[in-house]
Amino acid sequence: MKLIWSKITKTDFESFKPENKWEFYLWYCDKGTNFVKIIPPLQKWDDLKKEAAENKGEEIPKLIKELPIFYLCFLIVFPHRFNSSGIRWIDSELRKMLEQ
């Protein structure tokens, strides 16, 4: 990572949170908040591990969380709703299913 980190950190991560939770299911939503995350050039390893371990998927509606596999199907039709938090959430849910 040390060799490519400077190139990776020059990328900003953008996301959009609809004003109302139900608008998550819309293809296009013009009311909401844009978020931009600028990656700092240097971060502590513990901070990176903490961020990578976050798996709550707080932006995912409750209805989708009731049937995690649906989220994968949803992303096929709504790829613009794809984000790292959601992927970490579905990963943790699939791991739980496999452990049962």
PDB file of N, CA and C in Angstrom:
ATOM      1  N   MET A   1       0.818  -1.192   0.000  1.00  0.00           N
ATOM      2  CA  MET A   1       0.000   0.000   0.000  1.00  0.00           C
ATOM      3  C   MET A   1       0.861   1.255   0.000  1.00  0.00           C
ATOM      4  N   LYS A   2       2.008   1.183   0.640  1.00  0.00           N
ATOM      5  CA  LYS A   2       2.855   2.367   0.741  1.00  0.00           C
ATOM      6  C   LYS A   2       3.230   2.900  -0.640  1.00  0.00           C
ATOM      7  N   LEU A   3       3.425   1.990  -1.609  1.00  0.00           N
ATOM      8  CA  LEU A   3       3.826   2.403  -2.954  1.00  0.00           C
ATOM      9  C   LEU A   3       2.714   3.132  -3.714  1.00  0.00           C
ATOM     10  N   ILE A   4       1.458   2.763  -3.456  1.00  0.00           N
ATOM     11  CA  ILE A   4       0.351   3.362  -4.221  1.00  0.00           C
ATOM     12  C   ILE A   4      -0.521   4.306  -3.393  1.00  0.00           C
ATOM     13  N   TRP A   5      -0.230   4.450  -2.106  1.00  0.00           N
ATOM     14  CA  TRP A   5      -1.103   5.234  -1.230  1.00  0.00           C
ATOM     15  C   TRP A   5      -1.278   6.674  -1.701  1.00  0.00           C
ATOM     16  N   SER A   6      -0.231   7.308  -2.176  1.00  0.00           N
ATOM     17  CA  SER A   6      -0.356   8.706  -2.598  1.00  0.00           C
ATOM     18  C   SER A   6      -1.322   8.845  -3.773  1.00  0.00           C
ATOM     19  N   LYS A   7      -1.373   7.844  -4.654  1.00  0.00           N
ATOM     20  CA  LYS A   7      -2.312   7.898  -5.782  1.00  0.00           C
ATOM     21  C   LYS A   7      -3.747   7.647  -5.322  1.00  0.00           C
ATOM     22  N   ILE A   8      -3.916   6.757  -4.378  1.00  0.00           N
ATOM     23  CA  ILE A   8      -5.255   6.448  -3.864  1.00  0.00           C
ATOM     24  C   ILE A   8      -5.829   7.643  -3.113  1.00  0.00           C
ATOM     25  N   THR A   9      -5.016   8.325  -2.349  1.00  0.00           N
ATOM     26  CA  THR A   9      -5.510   9.413  -1.509  1.00  0.00           C
ATOM     27  C   THR A   9      -5.840  10.672  -2.294  1.00  0.00           C
ATOM     28  N   LYS A  10      -5.546  10.684  -3.553  1.00  0.00           N
ATOM     29  CA  LYS A  10      -5.917  11.850  -4.371  1.00  0.00           C
ATOM     30  C   LYS A  10      -7.348  11.724  -4.893  1.00  0.00           C
ATOM     31  N   THR A  11      -8.035  10.702  -4.446  1.00  0.00           N
ATOM     32  CA  THR A  11      -9.414  10.472  -4.845  1.00  0.00           C
ATOM     33  C   THR A  11     -10.344  10.902  -3.714  1.00  0.00           C
ATOM     34  N   ASP A  12     -11.390  11.639  -4.060  1.00  0.00           N
ATOM     35  CA  ASP A  12     -12.406  12.004  -3.080  1.00  0.00           C
ATOM     36  C   ASP A  12     -13.554  11.012  -3.206  1.00  0.00           C
ATOM     37  N   PHE A  13     -14.205  10.718  -2.090  1.00  0.00           N
ATOM     38  CA  PHE A  13     -15.360   9.838  -2.095  1.00  0.00           C
ATOM     39  C   PHE A  13     -16.610  10.692  -1.925  1.00  0.00           C
ATOM     40  N   GLU A  14     -17.542  10.539  -2.842  1.00  0.00           N
ATOM     41  CA  GLU A  14     -18.780  11.307  -2.784  1.00  0.00           C
ATOM     42  C   GLU A  14     -19.955  10.378  -2.546  1.00  0.00           C
ATOM     43  N   SER A  15     -20.925  10.863  -1.799  1.00  0.00           N
ATOM     44  CA  SER A  15     -22.154  10.102  -1.590  1.00  0.00           C
ATOM     45  C   SER A  15     -23.319  11.077  -1.482  1.00  0.00           C
ATOM     46  N   PHE A  16     -24.514  10.539  -1.609  1.00  0.00           N
ATOM     47  CA  PHE A  16     -25.730  11.347  -1.569  1.00  0.00           C
ATOM     48  C   PHE A  16     -26.712  10.682  -0.621  1.00  0.00           C
ATOM     49  N   LYS A  17     -27.272  11.440   0.286  1.00  0.00           N
ATOM     50  CA  LYS A  17     -28.286  10.930   1.208  1.00  0.00           C
ATOM     51  C   LYS A  17     -29.600  11.633   0.904  1.00  0.00           C
ATOM     52  N   PRO A  18     -30.615  10.881   0.439  1.00  0.00           N
ATOM     53  CA  PRO A  18     -31.909  11.500   0.149  1.00  0.00           C
ATOM     54  C   PRO A  18     -32.505  12.163   1.387  1.00  0.00           C
ATOM     55  N   GLU A  19     -33.291  13.197   1.147  1.00  0.00           N
ATOM     56  CA  GLU A  19     -33.919  13.938   2.243  1.00  0.00           C
ATOM     57  C   GLU A  19     -34.812  13.032   3.082  1.00  0.00           C
ATOM     58  N   ASN A  20     -35.598  12.189   2.411  1.00  0.00           N
ATOM     59  CA  ASN A  20     -36.488  11.241   3.086  1.00  0.00           C
ATOM     60  C   ASN A  20     -35.988   9.821   2.829  1.00  0.00           C
ATOM     61  N   LYS A  21     -36.058   8.971   3.846  1.00  0.00           N
ATOM     62  CA  LYS A  21     -35.530   7.614   3.698  1.00  0.00           C
ATOM     63  C   LYS A  21     -36.197   6.838   2.558  1.00  0.00           C
ATOM     64  N   TRP A  22     -37.487   7.035   2.336  1.00  0.00           N
ATOM     65  CA  TRP A  22     -38.183   6.288   1.298  1.00  0.00           C
ATOM     66  C   TRP A  22     -37.664   6.634  -0.093  1.00  0.00           C
ATOM     67  N   GLU A  23     -37.018   7.794  -0.234  1.00  0.00           N
ATOM     68  CA  GLU A  23     -36.487   8.195  -1.537  1.00  0.00           C
ATOM     69  C   GLU A  23     -35.252   7.384  -1.945  1.00  0.00           C
ATOM     70  N   PHE A  24     -34.735   6.595  -1.034  1.00  0.00           N
ATOM     71  CA  PHE A  24     -33.637   5.686  -1.348  1.00  0.00           C
ATOM     72  C   PHE A  24     -34.044   4.748  -2.480  1.00  0.00           C
ATOM     73  N   TYR A  25     -35.341   4.418  -2.554  1.00  0.00           N
ATOM     74  CA  TYR A  25     -35.857   3.487  -3.555  1.00  0.00           C
ATOM     75  C   TYR A  25     -36.128   4.136  -4.911  1.00  0.00           C
ATOM     76  N   LEU A  26     -35.996   5.440  -5.005  1.00  0.00           N
ATOM     77  CA  LEU A  26     -36.217   6.135  -6.271  1.00  0.00           C
ATOM     78  C   LEU A  26     -34.962   6.094  -7.129  1.00  0.00           C
ATOM     79  N   TRP A  27     -35.158   6.017  -8.437  1.00  0.00           N
ATOM     80  CA  TRP A  27     -34.010   6.051  -9.341  1.00  0.00           C
ATOM     81  C   TRP A  27     -33.319   7.404  -9.271  1.00  0.00           C
ATOM     82  N   TYR A  28     -34.116   8.465  -9.231  1.00  0.00           N
ATOM     83  CA  TYR A  28     -33.566   9.822  -9.191  1.00  0.00           C
ATOM     84  C   TYR A  28     -34.228  10.581  -8.051  1.00  0.00           C
ATOM     85  N   CYS A  29     -33.429  11.277  -7.305  1.00  0.00           N
ATOM     86  CA  CYS A  29     -33.925  12.052  -6.174  1.00  0.00           C
ATOM     87  C   CYS A  29     -33.175  13.378  -6.172  1.00  0.00           C
ATOM     88  N   ASP A  30     -33.901  14.482  -6.223  1.00  0.00           N
ATOM     89  CA  ASP A  30     -33.209  15.770  -6.283  1.00  0.00           C
ATOM     90  C   ASP A  30     -33.155  16.510  -4.947  1.00  0.00           C
ATOM     91  N   LYS A  31     -33.749  15.946  -3.909  1.00  0.00           N
ATOM     92  CA  LYS A  31     -33.685  16.576  -2.591  1.00  0.00           C
ATOM     93  C   LYS A  31     -32.900  15.677  -1.646  1.00  0.00           C
ATOM     94  N   GLY A  32     -31.827  16.236  -1.127  1.00  0.00           N
ATOM     95  CA  GLY A  32     -30.986  15.483  -0.208  1.00  0.00           C
ATOM     96  C   GLY A  32     -29.683  16.223   0.014  1.00  0.00           C
ATOM     97  N   THR A  33     -28.723  15.512   0.555  1.00  0.00           N
ATOM     98  CA  THR A  33     -27.434  16.112   0.892  1.00  0.00           C
ATOM     99  C   THR A  33     -26.305  15.360   0.220  1.00  0.00           C
ATOM    100  N   ASN A  34     -25.417  16.097  -0.430  1.00  0.00           N
ATOM    101  CA  ASN A  34     -24.200  15.507  -0.995  1.00  0.00           C
ATOM    102  C   ASN A  34     -23.104  15.556   0.059  1.00  0.00           C
ATOM    103  N   PHE A  35     -22.390  14.469   0.177  1.00  0.00           N
ATOM    104  CA  PHE A  35     -21.264  14.396   1.094  1.00  0.00           C
ATOM    105  C   PHE A  35     -19.998  14.125   0.291  1.00  0.00           C
ATOM    106  N   VAL A  36     -18.919  14.797   0.645  1.00  0.00           N
ATOM    107  CA  VAL A  36     -17.620  14.567   0.015  1.00  0.00           C
ATOM    108  C   VAL A  36     -16.631  14.244   1.128  1.00  0.00           C
ATOM    109  N   LYS A  37     -15.958  13.120   0.981  1.00  0.00           N
ATOM    110  CA  LYS A  37     -14.941  12.740   1.953  1.00  0.00           C
ATOM    111  C   LYS A  37     -13.585  12.833   1.279  1.00  0.00           C
ATOM    112  N   ILE A  38     -12.765  13.708   1.794  1.00  0.00           N
ATOM    113  CA  ILE A  38     -11.399  13.857   1.279  1.00  0.00           C
ATOM    114  C   ILE A  38     -10.483  13.038   2.172  1.00  0.00           C
ATOM    115  N   ILE A  39      -9.814  12.099   1.571  1.00  0.00           N
ATOM    116  CA  ILE A  39      -8.938  11.217   2.340  1.00  0.00           C
ATOM    117  C   ILE A  39      -7.668  11.973   2.712  1.00  0.00           C
ATOM    118  N   PRO A  40      -7.357  12.016   3.997  1.00  0.00           N
ATOM    119  CA  PRO A  40      -6.116  12.695   4.391  1.00  0.00           C
ATOM    120  C   PRO A  40      -4.901  11.919   3.886  1.00  0.00           C
ATOM    121  N   PRO A  41      -3.833  12.614   3.541  1.00  0.00           N
ATOM    122  CA  PRO A  41      -2.658  11.925   3.003  1.00  0.00           C
ATOM    123  C   PRO A  41      -2.035  10.942   3.991  1.00  0.00           C
ATOM    124  N   LEU A  42      -2.176  11.221   5.264  1.00  0.00           N
ATOM    125  CA  LEU A  42      -1.648  10.313   6.286  1.00  0.00           C
ATOM    126  C   LEU A  42      -2.741  10.033   7.305  1.00  0.00           C
ATOM    127  N   GLN A  43      -2.862   8.764   7.681  1.00  0.00           N
ATOM    128  CA  GLN A  43      -3.817   8.382   8.710  1.00  0.00           C
ATOM    129  C   GLN A  43      -3.177   7.322   9.591  1.00  0.00           C
ATOM    130  N   LYS A  44      -3.635   7.259  10.808  1.00  0.00           N
ATOM    131  CA  LYS A  44      -3.148   6.232  11.713  1.00  0.00           C
ATOM    132  C   LYS A  44      -3.764   4.896  11.312  1.00  0.00           C
ATOM    133  N   TRP A  45      -2.992   3.850  11.449  1.00  0.00           N
ATOM    134  CA  TRP A  45      -3.443   2.508  11.082  1.00  0.00           C
ATOM    135  C   TRP A  45      -4.681   2.114  11.877  1.00  0.00           C
ATOM    136  N   ASP A  46      -4.718   2.440  13.159  1.00  0.00           N
ATOM    137  CA  ASP A  46      -5.877   2.096  13.988  1.00  0.00           C
ATOM    138  C   ASP A  46      -7.144   2.790  13.501  1.00  0.00           C
ATOM    139  N   ASP A  47      -7.011   4.031  13.024  1.00  0.00           N
ATOM    140  CA  ASP A  47      -8.170   4.755  12.487  1.00  0.00           C
ATOM    141  C   ASP A  47      -8.682   4.094  11.215  1.00  0.00           C
ATOM    142  N   LEU A  48      -7.776   3.653  10.367  1.00  0.00           N
ATOM    143  CA  LEU A  48      -8.170   2.965   9.135  1.00  0.00           C
ATOM    144  C   LEU A  48      -8.866   1.641   9.440  1.00  0.00           C
ATOM    145  N   LYS A  49      -8.333   0.902  10.408  1.00  0.00           N
ATOM    146  CA  LYS A  49      -8.952  -0.375  10.780  1.00  0.00           C
ATOM    147  C   LYS A  49     -10.347  -0.150  11.358  1.00  0.00           C
ATOM    148  N   LYS A  50     -10.497   0.903  12.146  1.00  0.00           N
ATOM    149  CA  LYS A  50     -11.801   1.209  12.743  1.00  0.00           C
ATOM    150  C   LYS A  50     -12.825   1.529  11.652  1.00  0.00           C
ATOM    151  N   GLU A  51     -12.423   2.328  10.677  1.00  0.00           N
ATOM    152  CA  GLU A  51     -13.330   2.670   9.574  1.00  0.00           C
ATOM    153  C   GLU A  51     -13.697   1.437   8.757  1.00  0.00           C
ATOM    154  N   ALA A  52     -12.720   0.591   8.500  1.00  0.00           N
ATOM    155  CA  ALA A  52     -12.966  -0.622   7.708  1.00  0.00           C
ATOM    156  C   ALA A  52     -13.865  -1.606   8.445  1.00  0.00           C
ATOM    157  N   ALA A  53     -13.856  -1.567   9.781  1.00  0.00           N
ATOM    158  CA  ALA A  53     -14.663  -2.496  10.569  1.00  0.00           C
ATOM    159  C   ALA A  53     -16.113  -2.045  10.713  1.00  0.00           C
ATOM    160  N   GLU A  54     -16.404  -0.779  10.407  1.00  0.00           N
ATOM    161  CA  GLU A  54     -17.776  -0.271  10.513  1.00  0.00           C
ATOM    162  C   GLU A  54     -18.654  -1.058   9.562  1.00  0.00           C
ATOM    163  N   ASN A  55     -19.749  -1.624  10.079  1.00  0.00           N
ATOM    164  CA  ASN A  55     -20.610  -2.431   9.215  1.00  0.00           C
ATOM    165  C   ASN A  55     -22.096  -2.264   9.533  1.00  0.00           C
ATOM    166  N   LYS A  56     -22.476  -1.098  10.011  1.00  0.00           N
ATOM    167  CA  LYS A  56     -23.875  -0.866  10.368  1.00  0.00           C
ATOM    168  C   LYS A  56     -24.743  -0.531   9.162  1.00  0.00           C
ATOM    169  N   GLY A  57     -24.163   0.016   8.108  1.00  0.00           N
ATOM    170  CA  GLY A  57     -24.933   0.380   6.923  1.00  0.00           C
ATOM    171  C   GLY A  57     -26.098   1.286   7.262  1.00  0.00           C
ATOM    172  N   GLU A  58     -25.825   2.349   8.007  1.00  0.00           N
ATOM    173  CA  GLU A  58     -26.891   3.198   8.534  1.00  0.00           C
ATOM    174  C   GLU A  58     -27.762   3.847   7.455  1.00  0.00           C
ATOM    175  N   GLU A  59     -27.237   4.032   6.250  1.00  0.00           N
ATOM    176  CA  GLU A  59     -28.030   4.671   5.197  1.00  0.00           C
ATOM    177  C   GLU A  59     -28.979   3.696   4.504  1.00  0.00           C
ATOM    178  N   ILE A  60     -28.856   2.415   4.813  1.00  0.00           N
ATOM    179  CA  ILE A  60     -29.700   1.404   4.178  1.00  0.00           C
ATOM    180  C   ILE A  60     -31.043   1.359   4.900  1.00  0.00           C
ATOM    181  N   PRO A  61     -32.142   1.449   4.156  1.00  0.00           N
ATOM    182  CA  PRO A  61     -33.470   1.417   4.787  1.00  0.00           C
ATOM    183  C   PRO A  61     -33.736   0.105   5.536  1.00  0.00           C
ATOM    184  N   LYS A  62     -34.550   0.211   6.568  1.00  0.00           N
ATOM    185  CA  LYS A  62     -34.888  -0.923   7.423  1.00  0.00           C
ATOM    186  C   LYS A  62     -35.491  -2.086   6.619  1.00  0.00           C
ATOM    187  N   LEU A  63     -36.314  -1.765   5.645  1.00  0.00           N
ATOM    188  CA  LEU A  63     -36.960  -2.799   4.838  1.00  0.00           C
ATOM    189  C   LEU A  63     -35.930  -3.677   4.118  1.00  0.00           C
ATOM    190  N   ILE A  64     -34.890  -3.067   3.581  1.00  0.00           N
ATOM    191  CA  ILE A  64     -33.840  -3.833   2.897  1.00  0.00           C
ATOM    192  C   ILE A  64     -33.072  -4.677   3.912  1.00  0.00           C
ATOM    193  N   LYS A  65     -32.855  -4.139   5.089  1.00  0.00           N
ATOM    194  CA  LYS A  65     -32.101  -4.868   6.107  1.00  0.00           C
ATOM    195  C   LYS A  65     -32.830  -6.121   6.585  1.00  0.00           C
ATOM    196  N   GLU A  66     -34.136  -6.169   6.406  1.00  0.00           N
ATOM    197  CA  GLU A  66     -34.898  -7.353   6.809  1.00  0.00           C
ATOM    198  C   GLU A  66     -34.603  -8.549   5.905  1.00  0.00           C
ATOM    199  N   LEU A  67     -34.163  -8.295   4.690  1.00  0.00           N
ATOM    200  CA  LEU A  67     -33.835  -9.366   3.748  1.00  0.00           C
ATOM    201  C   LEU A  67     -32.538  -8.979   3.026  1.00  0.00           C
ATOM    202  N   PRO A  68     -31.397  -9.252   3.659  1.00  0.00           N
ATOM    203  CA  PRO A  68     -30.109  -8.784   3.132  1.00  0.00           C
ATOM    204  C   PRO A  68     -29.817  -9.162   1.675  1.00  0.00           C
ATOM    205  N   ILE A  69     -30.236 -10.342   1.244  1.00  0.00           N
ATOM    206  CA  ILE A  69     -29.955 -10.751  -0.136  1.00  0.00           C
ATOM    207  C   ILE A  69     -30.628  -9.792  -1.124  1.00  0.00           C
ATOM    208  N   PHE A  70     -31.749  -9.211  -0.733  1.00  0.00           N
ATOM    209  CA  PHE A  70     -32.433  -8.251  -1.600  1.00  0.00           C
ATOM    210  C   PHE A  70     -31.545  -7.060  -1.927  1.00  0.00           C
ATOM    211  N   TYR A  71     -30.670  -6.691  -0.979  1.00  0.00           N
ATOM    212  CA  TYR A  71     -29.784  -5.553  -1.207  1.00  0.00           C
ATOM    213  C   TYR A  71     -28.902  -5.788  -2.431  1.00  0.00           C
ATOM    214  N   LEU A  72     -28.400  -6.996  -2.597  1.00  0.00           N
ATOM    215  CA  LEU A  72     -27.583  -7.303  -3.770  1.00  0.00           C
ATOM    216  C   LEU A  72     -28.395  -7.165  -5.054  1.00  0.00           C
ATOM    217  N   CYS A  73     -29.629  -7.652  -5.032  1.00  0.00           N
ATOM    218  CA  CYS A  73     -30.515  -7.511  -6.195  1.00  0.00           C
ATOM    219  C   CYS A  73     -30.832  -6.042  -6.458  1.00  0.00           C
ATOM    220  N   PHE A  74     -31.067  -5.313  -5.402  1.00  0.00           N
ATOM    221  CA  PHE A  74     -31.362  -3.886  -5.503  1.00  0.00           C
ATOM    222  C   PHE A  74     -30.215  -3.144  -6.183  1.00  0.00           C
ATOM    223  N   LEU A  75     -28.982  -3.494  -5.831  1.00  0.00           N
ATOM    224  CA  LEU A  75     -27.815  -2.819  -6.406  1.00  0.00           C
ATOM    225  C   LEU A  75     -27.635  -3.105  -7.895  1.00  0.00           C
ATOM    226  N   ILE A  76     -28.153  -4.223  -8.365  1.00  0.00           N
ATOM    227  CA  ILE A  76     -28.092  -4.514  -9.804  1.00  0.00           C
ATOM    228  C   ILE A  76     -28.919  -3.494 -10.567  1.00  0.00           C
ATOM    229  N   VAL A  77     -30.068  -3.122 -10.018  1.00  0.00           N
ATOM    230  CA  VAL A  77     -30.969  -2.177 -10.681  1.00  0.00           C
ATOM    231  C   VAL A  77     -30.623  -0.726 -10.330  1.00  0.00           C
ATOM    232  N   PHE A  78     -30.116  -0.508  -9.126  1.00  0.00           N
ATOM    233  CA  PHE A  78     -29.780   0.833  -8.644  1.00  0.00           C
ATOM    234  C   PHE A  78     -28.289   0.909  -8.293  1.00  0.00           C
ATOM    235  N   PRO A  79     -27.404   0.759  -9.266  1.00  0.00           N
ATOM    236  CA  PRO A  79     -25.964   0.742  -8.953  1.00  0.00           C
ATOM    237  C   PRO A  79     -25.453   2.047  -8.353  1.00  0.00           C
ATOM    238  N   HIS A  80     -26.161   3.132  -8.559  1.00  0.00           N
ATOM    239  CA  HIS A  80     -25.732   4.410  -7.989  1.00  0.00           C
ATOM    240  C   HIS A  80     -25.958   4.468  -6.471  1.00  0.00           C
ATOM    241  N   ARG A  81     -26.633   3.473  -5.903  1.00  0.00           N
ATOM    242  CA  ARG A  81     -26.791   3.395  -4.442  1.00  0.00           C
ATOM    243  C   ARG A  81     -25.666   2.585  -3.799  1.00  0.00           C
ATOM    244  N   PHE A  82     -24.747   2.097  -4.614  1.00  0.00           N
ATOM    245  CA  PHE A  82     -23.594   1.330  -4.141  1.00  0.00           C
ATOM    246  C   PHE A  82     -22.662   2.242  -3.347  1.00  0.00           C
ATOM    247  N   ASN A  83     -22.255   1.816  -2.163  1.00  0.00           N
ATOM    248  CA  ASN A  83     -21.252   2.560  -1.393  1.00  0.00           C
ATOM    249  C   ASN A  83     -20.520   1.615  -0.446  1.00  0.00           C
ATOM    250  N   SER A  84     -19.420   2.066   0.071  1.00  0.00           N
ATOM    251  CA  SER A  84     -18.568   1.199   0.889  1.00  0.00           C
ATOM    252  C   SER A  84     -19.254   0.762   2.182  1.00  0.00           C
ATOM    253  N   SER A  85     -20.026   1.634   2.787  1.00  0.00           N
ATOM    254  CA  SER A  85     -20.713   1.274   4.029  1.00  0.00           C
ATOM    255  C   SER A  85     -21.718   0.145   3.785  1.00  0.00           C
ATOM    256  N   GLY A  86     -22.460   0.241   2.694  1.00  0.00           N
ATOM    257  CA  GLY A  86     -23.431  -0.803   2.357  1.00  0.00           C
ATOM    258  C   GLY A  86     -22.760  -2.127   2.047  1.00  0.00           C
ATOM    259  N   ILE A  87     -21.630  -2.078   1.374  1.00  0.00           N
ATOM    260  CA  ILE A  87     -20.917  -3.307   1.037  1.00  0.00           C
ATOM    261  C   ILE A  87     -20.354  -3.952   2.304  1.00  0.00           C
ATOM    262  N   ARG A  88     -19.829  -3.147   3.222  1.00  0.00           N
ATOM    263  CA  ARG A  88     -19.349  -3.716   4.486  1.00  0.00           C
ATOM    264  C   ARG A  88     -20.504  -4.340   5.261  1.00  0.00           C
ATOM    265  N   TRP A  89     -21.685  -3.697   5.210  1.00  0.00           N
ATOM    266  CA  TRP A  89     -22.857  -4.242   5.900  1.00  0.00           C
ATOM    267  C   TRP A  89     -23.261  -5.573   5.293  1.00  0.00           C
ATOM    268  N   ILE A  90     -23.379  -5.650   3.965  1.00  0.00           N
ATOM    269  CA  ILE A  90     -23.815  -6.906   3.349  1.00  0.00           C
ATOM    270  C   ILE A  90     -22.778  -7.998   3.567  1.00  0.00           C
ATOM    271  N   ASP A  91     -21.519  -7.642   3.582  1.00  0.00           N
ATOM    272  CA  ASP A  91     -20.474  -8.620   3.867  1.00  0.00           C
ATOM    273  C   ASP A  91     -20.664  -9.212   5.262  1.00  0.00           C
ATOM    274  N   SER A  92     -20.926  -8.370   6.251  1.00  0.00           N
ATOM    275  CA  SER A  92     -21.113  -8.878   7.613  1.00  0.00           C
ATOM    276  C   SER A  92     -22.373  -9.743   7.709  1.00  0.00           C
ATOM    277  N   GLU A  93     -23.427  -9.360   6.989  1.00  0.00           N
ATOM    278  CA  GLU A  93     -24.664 -10.148   7.013  1.00  0.00           C
ATOM    279  C   GLU A  93     -24.472 -11.516   6.344  1.00  0.00           C
ATOM    280  N   LEU A  94     -23.771 -11.539   5.218  1.00  0.00           N
ATOM    281  CA  LEU A  94     -23.530 -12.812   4.539  1.00  0.00           C
ATOM    282  C   LEU A  94     -22.648 -13.727   5.382  1.00  0.00           C
ATOM    283  N   ARG A  95     -21.689 -13.145   6.076  1.00  0.00           N
ATOM    284  CA  ARG A  95     -20.837 -13.954   6.968  1.00  0.00           C
ATOM    285  C   ARG A  95     -21.659 -14.580   8.086  1.00  0.00           C
ATOM    286  N   LYS A  96     -22.606 -13.822   8.637  1.00  0.00           N
ATOM    287  CA  LYS A  96     -23.495 -14.365   9.686  1.00  0.00           C
ATOM    288  C   LYS A  96     -24.292 -15.544   9.145  1.00  0.00           C
ATOM    289  N   MET A  97     -24.812 -15.400   7.905  1.00  0.00           N
ATOM    290  CA  MET A  97     -25.608 -16.466   7.299  1.00  0.00           C
ATOM    291  C   MET A  97     -24.772 -17.740   7.115  1.00  0.00           C
ATOM    292  N   LEU A  98     -23.536 -17.571   6.698  1.00  0.00           N
ATOM    293  CA  LEU A  98     -22.665 -18.720   6.467  1.00  0.00           C
ATOM    294  C   LEU A  98     -22.263 -19.407   7.762  1.00  0.00           C
ATOM    295  N   GLU A  99     -22.212 -18.675   8.850  1.00  0.00           N
ATOM    296  CA  GLU A  99     -21.834 -19.248  10.139  1.00  0.00           C
ATOM    297  C   GLU A  99     -22.959 -20.055  10.759  1.00  0.00           C
ATOM    298  N   GLN A 100     -24.182 -19.847  10.326  1.00  0.00           N
ATOM    299  CA  GLN A 100     -25.336 -20.550  10.927  1.00  0.00           C
ATOM    300  C   GLN A 100     -25.400 -21.986  10.476  1.00  0.00           C
TER     301      GLN A 100
END
